[in-house]
Each structure stands twice: as C-alpha cells, then as structure tokens.
Amino acid sequence: MKTLTVFTPTYNRAYCLPVCYESLKRQTSKQFIWLIIDDGSSDTTKELVKGWMDDKEIEIRYHWQENQGMHGAHNTAYELIDTELNVCIDSDDYMPDDAVEQILSFWDRYGSDKVSGIIGLDSYTDGRIVGSCLPEQLKYSSLFELYNKHGVTGDKKLVYRTELTREYPYPLFKNEKYVGLAYKYYMLDQKYEMLLMNEVLCCVEYLPDGSSRNMLSQYRKNPNGFAFYRKELMKLPFAGRLFKFKQSIHYVSSSLLSKNRRFINETPCKLLTFAAIPFGFMLYCYVLRKTRTS
C-alpha cells in the first residue's frame, strides 16, 4: 500500500501537463500514485494521459468530470484518494526529483495522528524560494499562525493526511467556479498543527491563464464563493479583530457583487461588517472598474 497520492486538477492544460509528468517520472522514489482530476477538458488531455498510463512508468489514475472549478476538483480528489497522505501539484507546476522521497522519509520520521500534515516550500523555476523560508526554530505550526504570527510570506506546499481532507468539503455555487482553498486548511487549523519542512517540494510557474494571475476576474465571477470564504474566516476563534475586519471588507464587496441584501443579517460579525461597509463599497467599485472589459 503506497503512502502518498500526488493529485493534479487540470482543465485544458494538455500543453503544459507533460512537464509535470516528466518530473514525476524522474522521482527517486516511485512509492506514490498520480491522480489526475480532469475538470471537463475539451483538449487532448484524455488521450495524452491514456498514453502515459499505457507506458506504465508510474502508477496513474485518471478521472474526468464536468467542469466545477478548482475547488470542485479538490472535492473529487479527496473522495477518490485512498493513501494516507496527499499533495496537490498543479498542472503548470512540477516536483524536484527527490520531492516524493523527502516527503515519505520526513513523514516516516516525524509523522503522527497528532498533526494534520507537512508544510514545505515552493520555489520558482529558477530556484528562488517563493516568499520566505519557514522559521528554523519551529518544528510545528498551524498554517494560520505561520502567516499571521510568524510573518511567513508566499505560497507553501501542503501535504495533508487524507482522512482529514475529506472533512469540510467545499460548497458548490450555481454558475460559479471558485471557493478559496484555504477554507479547508484554516478549518483544520482549529484542531491540528502541521510539521514544518524547509525543503522545496514544488516548482511553480504562474502562467497567464492560471487562477493566480486572474484573481480580480475570479472575484467578480464568483461572488457567492468569495463571500462564503470570507464569512467562514470571520468565524475563526483564533483570528484577531484586524484580520476579521479585513475579511468583513471583502465580504461586503462580494455581497454587493452578488446583490445579497441580507449580508448584514448573515454575517457572523455584525458590528465589524457594518463598520466595513464604506471600505467594502470602495473595493466593490474597484473590482467593477478593473474587470469592466471582461
């Protein structure tokens, strides 16, 4: 029984998916499963993956579904994964040659049911670390405290225990394709810390058609998903008032975009949300102006 599933949500990424595949073929440990969640691609992704499966270089599982967006693809992955651990490697990213071996040996040495998983590093394709490294003096931290207490910056690679990632499924909203993935991570932060591993587990490239490069457009097209995300973050028991106020601003803006007139009644922080209305309105206007052409 293998310990790790590397899962890759993909949507019309046949042009860049081979880079990810080649990196997985080069892994010094083949003790993993590659699960590809095809989120409704209409390009040659299916044929490409079938050819790789026939080659039998690594164990590959493929699942096609109607397009639901990144969070919907994550929901499906967590339902299908049957290994102890999982890590998401996006279709435009790839793993260093020893990443799987590093994860497995680190977990074998330090892993337990007292933690939710491992936090590792992302790097750019030129080797530069994305944001900052993890604090050397810390062995454990929640993801929330890592960013909001210890001042860590930049995207990090998260390896989770699969039984936990099935908790807190992302909601699906009609005609929308986005909910912040960190919702699940912050929910798990309420129960567990994570192991810190100052090693690069993923090399990233932010392509022009990626969601990171199109966040304002996502913001406008998916207001219910964004409002849900901000509302849930306002409920976090360990979050400070400034953090919750920032969430309130985004919640107001997203509620205006979705034309939800009941947003004050539905917020978990009524006074903060009321105070955030002027700032949320300004953000709403900014998003409309910046996304007008799209």
C-alpha atoms as a PDB file:
ATOM      1  CA  MET A   1       0.000   0.000   0.000  1.00  0.00           C
ATOM      2  CA  LYS A   2       1.519   3.308  -1.095  1.00  0.00           C
ATOM      3  CA  THR A   3       1.537   6.203   1.366  1.00  0.00           C
ATOM      4  CA  LEU A   4       1.274   9.238  -0.927  1.00  0.00           C
ATOM      5  CA  THR A   5      -1.042  10.427  -3.687  1.00  0.00           C
ATOM      6  CA  VAL A   6       0.078  13.343  -5.838  1.00  0.00           C
ATOM      7  CA  PHE A   7      -3.097  14.800  -7.330  1.00  0.00           C
ATOM      8  CA  THR A   8      -3.349  17.262 -10.171  1.00  0.00           C
ATOM      9  CA  PRO A   9      -6.534  19.154 -11.065  1.00  0.00           C
ATOM     10  CA  THR A  10      -6.398  20.139 -14.723  1.00  0.00           C
ATOM     11  CA  TYR A  11      -8.573  21.964 -17.247  1.00  0.00           C
ATOM     12  CA  ASN A  12      -7.415  22.243 -20.863  1.00  0.00           C
ATOM     13  CA  ARG A  13      -3.759  22.037 -19.848  1.00  0.00           C
ATOM     14  CA  ALA A  14      -2.520  19.380 -22.285  1.00  0.00           C
ATOM     15  CA  TYR A  15       0.107  21.879 -23.448  1.00  0.00           C
ATOM     16  CA  CYS A  16       1.862  22.072 -20.067  1.00  0.00           C
ATOM     17  CA  LEU A  17       0.915  18.840 -18.271  1.00  0.00           C
ATOM     18  CA  PRO A  18       3.867  16.889 -19.764  1.00  0.00           C
ATOM     19  CA  VAL A  19       6.307  18.942 -17.671  1.00  0.00           C
ATOM     20  CA  CYS A  20       4.580  17.732 -14.503  1.00  0.00           C
ATOM     21  CA  TYR A  21       4.540  14.155 -15.804  1.00  0.00           C
ATOM     22  CA  GLU A  22       8.252  14.167 -16.663  1.00  0.00           C
ATOM     23  CA  SER A  23       9.104  15.384 -13.155  1.00  0.00           C
ATOM     24  CA  LEU A  24       7.096  12.546 -11.628  1.00  0.00           C
ATOM     25  CA  LYS A  25       8.862  10.013 -13.861  1.00  0.00           C
ATOM     26  CA  ARG A  26      12.180  11.313 -12.507  1.00  0.00           C
ATOM     27  CA  GLN A  27      11.250  10.832  -8.843  1.00  0.00           C
ATOM     28  CA  THR A  28      13.882   8.928  -6.871  1.00  0.00           C
ATOM     29  CA  SER A  29      11.014   7.139  -5.097  1.00  0.00           C
ATOM     30  CA  LYS A  30       8.150   5.691  -7.116  1.00  0.00           C
ATOM     31  CA  GLN A  31       6.099   4.970  -3.984  1.00  0.00           C
ATOM     32  CA  PHE A  32       3.252   7.280  -4.970  1.00  0.00           C
ATOM     33  CA  ILE A  33       0.106   7.403  -7.089  1.00  0.00           C
ATOM     34  CA  TRP A  34      -0.556  10.218  -9.555  1.00  0.00           C
ATOM     35  CA  LEU A  35      -4.262  11.079  -9.585  1.00  0.00           C
ATOM     36  CA  ILE A  36      -5.365  13.390 -12.396  1.00  0.00           C
ATOM     37  CA  ILE A  37      -8.720  15.110 -11.971  1.00  0.00           C
ATOM     38  CA  ASP A  38      -9.733  16.294 -15.431  1.00  0.00           C
ATOM     39  CA  ASP A  39     -12.221  19.072 -14.712  1.00  0.00           C
ATOM     40  CA  GLY A  40     -14.045  18.966 -18.036  1.00  0.00           C
ATOM     41  CA  SER A  41     -11.171  19.450 -20.503  1.00  0.00           C
ATOM     42  CA  SER A  42     -12.051  19.632 -24.197  1.00  0.00           C
ATOM     43  CA  ASP A  43      -8.449  19.423 -25.450  1.00  0.00           C
ATOM     44  CA  THR A  44      -6.278  16.299 -25.828  1.00  0.00           C
ATOM     45  CA  THR A  45      -5.728  15.744 -22.096  1.00  0.00           C
ATOM     46  CA  LYS A  46      -7.557  12.396 -22.032  1.00  0.00           C
ATOM     47  CA  GLU A  47      -5.574  10.938 -24.948  1.00  0.00           C
ATOM     48  CA  LEU A  48      -2.319  12.263 -23.508  1.00  0.00           C
ATOM     49  CA  VAL A  49      -2.921  10.644 -20.124  1.00  0.00           C
ATOM     50  CA  LYS A  50      -4.027   7.351 -21.703  1.00  0.00           C
ATOM     51  CA  GLY A  51      -0.675   7.159 -23.474  1.00  0.00           C
ATOM     52  CA  TRP A  52       1.153   7.714 -20.184  1.00  0.00           C
ATOM     53  CA  MET A  53      -0.929   5.068 -18.455  1.00  0.00           C
ATOM     54  CA  ASP A  54      -0.054   2.596 -21.225  1.00  0.00           C
ATOM     55  CA  ASP A  55       3.659   3.356 -20.711  1.00  0.00           C
ATOM     56  CA  LYS A  56       3.349   2.248 -17.048  1.00  0.00           C
ATOM     57  CA  GLU A  57       6.302   4.356 -15.929  1.00  0.00           C
ATOM     58  CA  ILE A  58       4.398   5.420 -12.796  1.00  0.00           C
ATOM     59  CA  GLU A  59       1.012   4.483 -11.334  1.00  0.00           C
ATOM     60  CA  ILE A  60      -1.591   6.870 -12.769  1.00  0.00           C
ATOM     61  CA  ARG A  61      -5.297   7.181 -12.030  1.00  0.00           C
ATOM     62  CA  TYR A  62      -7.484   9.389 -14.223  1.00  0.00           C
ATOM     63  CA  HIS A  63     -10.936  10.817 -13.515  1.00  0.00           C
ATOM     64  CA  TRP A  64     -12.957  13.078 -15.828  1.00  0.00           C
ATOM     65  CA  GLN A  65     -15.844  15.216 -14.575  1.00  0.00           C
ATOM     66  CA  GLU A  66     -17.993  18.114 -15.719  1.00  0.00           C
ATOM     67  CA  ASN A  67     -16.279  21.414 -15.012  1.00  0.00           C
ATOM     68  CA  GLN A  68     -16.720  22.525 -11.391  1.00  0.00           C
ATOM     69  CA  GLY A  69     -13.682  24.737 -10.847  1.00  0.00           C
ATOM     70  CA  MET A  70     -10.564  24.104  -8.804  1.00  0.00           C
ATOM     71  CA  HIS A  71     -12.384  23.560  -5.509  1.00  0.00           C
ATOM     72  CA  GLY A  72     -14.763  21.068  -7.107  1.00  0.00           C
ATOM     73  CA  ALA A  73     -11.795  19.147  -8.489  1.00  0.00           C
ATOM     74  CA  HIS A  74     -10.282  19.103  -4.993  1.00  0.00           C
ATOM     75  CA  ASN A  75     -13.553  17.727  -3.578  1.00  0.00           C
ATOM     76  CA  THR A  76     -13.452  14.871  -6.075  1.00  0.00           C
ATOM     77  CA  ALA A  77      -9.785  14.138  -5.416  1.00  0.00           C
ATOM     78  CA  TYR A  78     -10.327  13.832  -1.673  1.00  0.00           C
ATOM     79  CA  GLU A  79     -13.205  11.412  -2.281  1.00  0.00           C
ATOM     80  CA  LEU A  80     -11.056   9.181  -4.509  1.00  0.00           C
ATOM     81  CA  ILE A  81      -7.698   9.189  -2.708  1.00  0.00           C
ATOM     82  CA  ASP A  82      -7.057   6.057  -0.656  1.00  0.00           C
ATOM     83  CA  THR A  83      -3.493   6.705   0.548  1.00  0.00           C
ATOM     84  CA  GLU A  84      -2.538   8.082   3.967  1.00  0.00           C
ATOM     85  CA  LEU A  85      -1.135  11.349   2.566  1.00  0.00           C
ATOM     86  CA  ASN A  86      -1.876  13.583  -0.389  1.00  0.00           C
ATOM     87  CA  VAL A  87      -0.326  16.635  -2.004  1.00  0.00           C
ATOM     88  CA  CYS A  88      -1.666  18.804  -4.829  1.00  0.00           C
ATOM     89  CA  ILE A  89       0.709  19.641  -7.676  1.00  0.00           C
ATOM     90  CA  ASP A  90      -0.994  21.941 -10.156  1.00  0.00           C
ATOM     91  CA  SER A  91      -0.896  21.219 -13.874  1.00  0.00           C
ATOM     92  CA  ASP A  92       1.577  24.036 -14.561  1.00  0.00           C
ATOM     93  CA  ASP A  93       3.934  23.024 -11.719  1.00  0.00           C
ATOM     94  CA  TYR A  94       6.380  20.174 -11.180  1.00  0.00           C
ATOM     95  CA  MET A  95       8.238  18.388  -8.366  1.00  0.00           C
ATOM     96  CA  PRO A  96      12.003  18.325  -7.745  1.00  0.00           C
ATOM     97  CA  ASP A  97      13.408  14.865  -8.429  1.00  0.00           C
ATOM     98  CA  ASP A  98      13.663  13.888  -4.742  1.00  0.00           C
ATOM     99  CA  ALA A  99      10.425  15.517  -3.506  1.00  0.00           C
ATOM    100  CA  VAL A 100       8.441  12.295  -3.010  1.00  0.00           C
ATOM    101  CA  GLU A 101      11.381  10.655  -1.232  1.00  0.00           C
ATOM    102  CA  GLN A 102      11.752  13.716   1.014  1.00  0.00           C
ATOM    103  CA  ILE A 103       8.066  13.677   1.948  1.00  0.00           C
ATOM    104  CA  LEU A 104       7.978   9.964   2.715  1.00  0.00           C
ATOM    105  CA  SER A 105      11.180   9.901   4.771  1.00  0.00           C
ATOM    106  CA  PHE A 106      10.178  13.028   6.719  1.00  0.00           C
ATOM    107  CA  TRP A 107       6.736  11.597   7.480  1.00  0.00           C
ATOM    108  CA  ASP A 108       8.197   8.228   8.433  1.00  0.00           C
ATOM    109  CA  ARG A 109      10.444  10.004  10.924  1.00  0.00           C
ATOM    110  CA  TYR A 110       8.118  12.640  12.392  1.00  0.00           C
ATOM    111  CA  GLY A 111       4.555  11.946  11.256  1.00  0.00           C
ATOM    112  CA  SER A 112       1.714  11.053  13.626  1.00  0.00           C
ATOM    113  CA  ASP A 113      -2.025  11.459  14.084  1.00  0.00           C
ATOM    114  CA  LYS A 114      -1.326  14.485  16.291  1.00  0.00           C
ATOM    115  CA  VAL A 115      -0.591  16.639  13.208  1.00  0.00           C
ATOM    116  CA  SER A 116      -2.587  17.255  10.038  1.00  0.00           C
ATOM    117  CA  GLY A 117       0.385  17.033   7.713  1.00  0.00           C
ATOM    118  CA  ILE A 118       3.504  18.810   6.456  1.00  0.00           C
ATOM    119  CA  ILE A 119       4.200  22.351   5.264  1.00  0.00           C
ATOM    120  CA  GLY A 120       7.032  22.522   2.711  1.00  0.00           C
ATOM    121  CA  LEU A 121       8.383  25.152   0.326  1.00  0.00           C
ATOM    122  CA  ASP A 122       7.532  26.239  -3.199  1.00  0.00           C
ATOM    123  CA  SER A 123      10.215  27.631  -5.486  1.00  0.00           C
ATOM    124  CA  TYR A 124      10.168  29.389  -8.822  1.00  0.00           C
ATOM    125  CA  THR A 125      11.585  27.528 -11.806  1.00  0.00           C
ATOM    126  CA  ASP A 126      14.861  29.454 -11.407  1.00  0.00           C
ATOM    127  CA  GLY A 127      15.311  28.059  -7.871  1.00  0.00           C
ATOM    128  CA  ARG A 128      14.282  31.137  -5.866  1.00  0.00           C
ATOM    129  CA  ILE A 129      12.061  30.383  -2.871  1.00  0.00           C
ATOM    130  CA  VAL A 130       8.512  31.750  -3.199  1.00  0.00           C
ATOM    131  CA  GLY A 131       8.181  34.223  -0.325  1.00  0.00           C
ATOM    132  CA  SER A 132      10.177  33.327   2.786  1.00  0.00           C
ATOM    133  CA  CYS A 133      11.554  30.107   4.242  1.00  0.00           C
ATOM    134  CA  LEU A 134       9.964  28.565   7.322  1.00  0.00           C
ATOM    135  CA  PRO A 135      11.255  29.611  10.771  1.00  0.00           C
ATOM    136  CA  GLU A 136      14.166  27.318  11.641  1.00  0.00           C
ATOM    137  CA  GLN A 137      13.343  27.356  15.361  1.00  0.00           C
ATOM    138  CA  LEU A 138       9.833  25.957  14.820  1.00  0.00           C
ATOM    139  CA  LYS A 139       9.016  22.289  14.347  1.00  0.00           C
ATOM    140  CA  TYR A 140       5.220  22.712  14.344  1.00  0.00           C
ATOM    141  CA  SER A 141       2.765  25.452  13.445  1.00  0.00           C
ATOM    142  CA  SER A 142      -0.723  25.915  12.107  1.00  0.00           C
ATOM    143  CA  LEU A 143      -0.909  27.448   8.647  1.00  0.00           C
ATOM    144  CA  PHE A 144      -2.768  30.456  10.046  1.00  0.00           C
ATOM    145  CA  GLU A 145      -0.129  31.223  12.686  1.00  0.00           C
ATOM    146  CA  LEU A 146       2.665  30.708  10.194  1.00  0.00           C
ATOM    147  CA  TYR A 147       1.403  33.664   8.146  1.00  0.00           C
ATOM    148  CA  ASN A 148      -0.283  35.811  10.788  1.00  0.00           C
ATOM    149  CA  LYS A 149       2.041  35.327  13.775  1.00  0.00           C
ATOM    150  CA  HIS A 150       5.415  34.269  12.413  1.00  0.00           C
ATOM    151  CA  GLY A 151       5.426  36.542   9.363  1.00  0.00           C
ATOM    152  CA  VAL A 152       5.972  33.883   6.707  1.00  0.00           C
ATOM    153  CA  THR A 153       5.139  35.016   3.168  1.00  0.00           C
ATOM    154  CA  GLY A 154       4.471  33.347  -0.166  1.00  0.00           C
ATOM    155  CA  ASP A 155       2.755  30.158  -1.273  1.00  0.00           C
ATOM    156  CA  LYS A 156       3.766  26.953   0.506  1.00  0.00           C
ATOM    157  CA  LYS A 157       3.288  23.316  -0.428  1.00  0.00           C
ATOM    158  CA  LEU A 158       0.877  21.440   1.841  1.00  0.00           C
ATOM    159  CA  VAL A 159       0.883  17.687   2.402  1.00  0.00           C
ATOM    160  CA  TYR A 160      -2.199  16.525   4.307  1.00  0.00           C
ATOM    161  CA  ARG A 161      -3.488  13.366   5.934  1.00  0.00           C
ATOM    162  CA  THR A 162      -6.235  12.195   3.604  1.00  0.00           C
ATOM    163  CA  GLU A 163      -8.753  11.280   6.285  1.00  0.00           C
ATOM    164  CA  LEU A 164      -8.724  14.927   7.378  1.00  0.00           C
ATOM    165  CA  THR A 165      -9.011  16.464   3.919  1.00  0.00           C
ATOM    166  CA  ARG A 166     -12.340  14.715   3.463  1.00  0.00           C
ATOM    167  CA  GLU A 167     -13.675  16.997   6.190  1.00  0.00           C
ATOM    168  CA  TYR A 168     -15.070  20.441   5.317  1.00  0.00           C
ATOM    169  CA  PRO A 169     -15.913  19.859   1.617  1.00  0.00           C
ATOM    170  CA  TYR A 170     -16.041  22.994  -0.497  1.00  0.00           C
ATOM    171  CA  PRO A 171     -19.576  24.159  -1.343  1.00  0.00           C
ATOM    172  CA  LEU A 172     -20.582  24.432  -4.989  1.00  0.00           C
ATOM    173  CA  PHE A 173     -22.495  27.537  -6.049  1.00  0.00           C
ATOM    174  CA  LYS A 174     -24.604  27.630  -9.202  1.00  0.00           C
ATOM    175  CA  ASN A 175     -22.801  29.219 -12.169  1.00  0.00           C
ATOM    176  CA  GLU A 176     -19.655  29.775 -10.070  1.00  0.00           C
ATOM    177  CA  LYS A 177     -16.277  28.011 -10.219  1.00  0.00           C
ATOM    178  CA  TYR A 178     -14.253  29.284  -7.258  1.00  0.00           C
ATOM    179  CA  VAL A 179     -14.063  28.967  -3.486  1.00  0.00           C
ATOM    180  CA  GLY A 180     -10.830  29.760  -1.635  1.00  0.00           C
ATOM    181  CA  LEU A 181      -8.966  26.516  -0.975  1.00  0.00           C
ATOM    182  CA  ALA A 182      -7.618  27.856   2.319  1.00  0.00           C
ATOM    183  CA  TYR A 183     -11.107  27.474   3.817  1.00  0.00           C
ATOM    184  CA  LYS A 184     -10.424  23.776   4.442  1.00  0.00           C
ATOM    185  CA  TYR A 185      -6.891  24.443   5.708  1.00  0.00           C
ATOM    186  CA  TYR A 186      -7.994  27.031   8.266  1.00  0.00           C
ATOM    187  CA  MET A 187     -10.796  24.778   9.456  1.00  0.00           C
ATOM    188  CA  LEU A 188      -8.230  22.033  10.135  1.00  0.00           C
ATOM    189  CA  ASP A 189      -6.013  24.603  11.894  1.00  0.00           C
ATOM    190  CA  GLN A 190      -8.601  24.694  14.666  1.00  0.00           C
ATOM    191  CA  LYS A 191      -7.735  21.092  15.603  1.00  0.00           C
ATOM    192  CA  TYR A 192      -4.168  20.439  14.453  1.00  0.00           C
ATOM    193  CA  GLU A 193      -0.745  21.890  13.855  1.00  0.00           C
ATOM    194  CA  MET A 194       1.474  20.851  10.950  1.00  0.00           C
ATOM    195  CA  LEU A 195       5.082  19.713  10.694  1.00  0.00           C
ATOM    196  CA  LEU A 196       7.452  22.253   9.142  1.00  0.00           C
ATOM    197  CA  MET A 197       9.847  21.059   6.459  1.00  0.00           C
ATOM    198  CA  ASN A 198      12.279  23.575   4.986  1.00  0.00           C
ATOM    199  CA  GLU A 199      12.662  21.729   1.683  1.00  0.00           C
ATOM    200  CA  VAL A 200      11.369  22.587  -1.784  1.00  0.00           C
ATOM    201  CA  LEU A 201       8.571  20.206  -2.717  1.00  0.00           C
ATOM    202  CA  CYS A 202       7.183  22.011  -5.744  1.00  0.00           C
ATOM    203  CA  CYS A 203       8.478  24.291  -8.507  1.00  0.00           C
ATOM    204  CA  VAL A 204       5.830  26.737  -9.675  1.00  0.00           C
ATOM    205  CA  GLU A 205       5.225  28.826 -12.755  1.00  0.00           C
ATOM    206  CA  TYR A 206       2.352  31.298 -12.716  1.00  0.00           C
ATOM    207  CA  LEU A 207       1.029  31.054 -16.281  1.00  0.00           C
ATOM    208  CA  PRO A 208      -1.128  33.781 -17.874  1.00  0.00           C
ATOM    209  CA  ASP A 209      -4.226  31.543 -17.849  1.00  0.00           C
ATOM    210  CA  GLY A 210      -3.771  30.441 -14.239  1.00  0.00           C
ATOM    211  CA  SER A 211      -6.189  31.441 -11.475  1.00  0.00           C
ATOM    212  CA  SER A 212      -3.467  33.295  -9.528  1.00  0.00           C
ATOM    213  CA  ARG A 213      -3.000  35.692 -12.452  1.00  0.00           C
ATOM    214  CA  ASN A 214      -6.737  36.282 -12.871  1.00  0.00           C
ATOM    215  CA  MET A 215      -7.877  36.795  -9.290  1.00  0.00           C
ATOM    216  CA  LEU A 216      -9.870  40.004  -9.847  1.00  0.00           C
ATOM    217  CA  SER A 217     -11.784  38.339 -12.652  1.00  0.00           C
ATOM    218  CA  GLN A 218     -12.427  35.346 -10.361  1.00  0.00           C
ATOM    219  CA  TYR A 219     -13.556  37.770  -7.669  1.00  0.00           C
ATOM    220  CA  ARG A 220     -16.216  39.262  -9.933  1.00  0.00           C
ATOM    221  CA  LYS A 221     -17.404  35.994 -11.472  1.00  0.00           C
ATOM    222  CA  ASN A 222     -17.684  34.079  -8.181  1.00  0.00           C
ATOM    223  CA  PRO A 223     -19.102  36.472  -5.570  1.00  0.00           C
ATOM    224  CA  ASN A 224     -21.006  33.831  -3.587  1.00  0.00           C
ATOM    225  CA  GLY A 225     -17.927  31.659  -3.295  1.00  0.00           C
ATOM    226  CA  PHE A 226     -15.807  34.595  -2.150  1.00  0.00           C
ATOM    227  CA  ALA A 227     -18.463  35.761   0.322  1.00  0.00           C
ATOM    228  CA  PHE A 228     -18.715  32.260   1.800  1.00  0.00           C
ATOM    229  CA  TYR A 229     -14.939  32.095   2.201  1.00  0.00           C
ATOM    230  CA  ARG A 230     -14.705  35.483   3.955  1.00  0.00           C
ATOM    231  CA  LYS A 231     -17.665  34.718   6.198  1.00  0.00           C
ATOM    232  CA  GLU A 232     -16.072  31.449   7.350  1.00  0.00           C
ATOM    233  CA  LEU A 233     -12.762  33.189   8.078  1.00  0.00           C
ATOM    234  CA  MET A 234     -14.579  35.695  10.274  1.00  0.00           C
ATOM    235  CA  LYS A 235     -15.668  32.754  12.470  1.00  0.00           C
ATOM    236  CA  LEU A 236     -12.122  31.582  13.257  1.00  0.00           C
ATOM    237  CA  PRO A 237     -11.745  31.617  17.054  1.00  0.00           C
ATOM    238  CA  PHE A 238      -8.004  32.390  16.944  1.00  0.00           C
ATOM    239  CA  ALA A 239      -8.246  35.301  14.473  1.00  0.00           C
ATOM    240  CA  GLY A 240      -7.781  38.882  15.710  1.00  0.00           C
ATOM    241  CA  ARG A 241     -10.127  41.798  15.114  1.00  0.00           C
ATOM    242  CA  LEU A 242      -7.938  43.353  12.389  1.00  0.00           C
ATOM    243  CA  PHE A 243      -7.912  40.079  10.444  1.00  0.00           C
ATOM    244  CA  LYS A 244     -11.677  39.753  10.801  1.00  0.00           C
ATOM    245  CA  PHE A 245     -12.184  43.381   9.766  1.00  0.00           C
ATOM    246  CA  LYS A 246     -10.251  42.736   6.548  1.00  0.00           C
ATOM    247  CA  GLN A 247     -12.449  39.718   5.877  1.00  0.00           C
ATOM    248  CA  SER A 248     -15.510  41.915   6.522  1.00  0.00           C
ATOM    249  CA  ILE A 249     -14.405  44.363   3.831  1.00  0.00           C
ATOM    250  CA  HIS A 250     -14.142  41.572   1.267  1.00  0.00           C
ATOM    251  CA  TYR A 251     -17.395  40.064   2.481  1.00  0.00           C
ATOM    252  CA  VAL A 252     -19.223  43.381   1.916  1.00  0.00           C
ATOM    253  CA  SER A 253     -17.698  43.762  -1.548  1.00  0.00           C
ATOM    254  CA  SER A 254     -18.600  40.199  -2.583  1.00  0.00           C
ATOM    255  CA  SER A 255     -22.117  40.588  -1.169  1.00  0.00           C
ATOM    256  CA  LEU A 256     -22.619  43.717  -3.261  1.00  0.00           C
ATOM    257  CA  LEU A 257     -21.401  41.857  -6.346  1.00  0.00           C
ATOM    258  CA  SER A 258     -23.862  39.029  -5.681  1.00  0.00           C
ATOM    259  CA  LYS A 259     -26.638  41.532  -4.874  1.00  0.00           C
ATOM    260  CA  ASN A 260     -27.214  39.915  -1.499  1.00  0.00           C
ATOM    261  CA  ARG A 261     -29.215  42.451   0.523  1.00  0.00           C
ATOM    262  CA  ARG A 262     -29.233  40.223   3.614  1.00  0.00           C
ATOM    263  CA  PHE A 263     -25.478  40.287   4.120  1.00  0.00           C
ATOM    264  CA  ILE A 264     -25.697  42.129   7.462  1.00  0.00           C
ATOM    265  CA  ASN A 265     -28.125  39.544   8.826  1.00  0.00           C
ATOM    266  CA  GLU A 266     -25.927  36.690   7.603  1.00  0.00           C
ATOM    267  CA  THR A 267     -22.542  37.883   8.822  1.00  0.00           C
ATOM    268  CA  PRO A 268     -21.071  36.331  11.997  1.00  0.00           C
ATOM    269  CA  CYS A 269     -19.556  39.739  12.919  1.00  0.00           C
ATOM    270  CA  LYS A 270     -22.321  42.310  12.560  1.00  0.00           C
ATOM    271  CA  LEU A 271     -20.558  45.342  14.079  1.00  0.00           C
ATOM    272  CA  LEU A 272     -17.327  44.768  12.141  1.00  0.00           C
ATOM    273  CA  THR A 273     -19.262  44.220   8.928  1.00  0.00           C
ATOM    274  CA  PHE A 274     -21.303  47.381   9.439  1.00  0.00           C
ATOM    275  CA  ALA A 275     -18.080  49.349  10.011  1.00  0.00           C
ATOM    276  CA  ALA A 276     -16.577  47.772   6.869  1.00  0.00           C
ATOM    277  CA  ILE A 277     -19.383  48.902   4.529  1.00  0.00           C
ATOM    278  CA  PRO A 278     -17.641  52.096   3.217  1.00  0.00           C
ATOM    279  CA  PHE A 279     -14.400  50.214   2.550  1.00  0.00           C
ATOM    280  CA  GLY A 280     -16.269  47.257   1.050  1.00  0.00           C
ATOM    281  CA  PHE A 281     -18.142  49.611  -1.262  1.00  0.00           C
ATOM    282  CA  MET A 282     -14.856  51.145  -2.449  1.00  0.00           C
ATOM    283  CA  LEU A 283     -13.440  47.674  -3.103  1.00  0.00           C
ATOM    284  CA  TYR A 284     -16.627  46.768  -4.975  1.00  0.00           C
ATOM    285  CA  CYS A 285     -16.202  49.818  -7.227  1.00  0.00           C
ATOM    286  CA  TYR A 286     -12.526  48.997  -7.770  1.00  0.00           C
ATOM    287  CA  VAL A 287     -13.308  45.426  -8.836  1.00  0.00           C
ATOM    288  CA  LEU A 288     -16.013  46.634 -11.235  1.00  0.00           C
ATOM    289  CA  ARG A 289     -13.670  49.158 -12.811  1.00  0.00           C
ATOM    290  CA  LYS A 290     -10.727  46.765 -13.169  1.00  0.00           C
ATOM    291  CA  THR A 291     -12.831  43.952 -14.651  1.00  0.00           C
ATOM    292  CA  ARG A 292     -15.077  46.075 -16.854  1.00  0.00           C
ATOM    293  CA  THR A 293     -13.708  44.768 -20.158  1.00  0.00           C
ATOM    294  CA  SER A 294     -14.069  41.126 -19.070  1.00  0.00           C
END
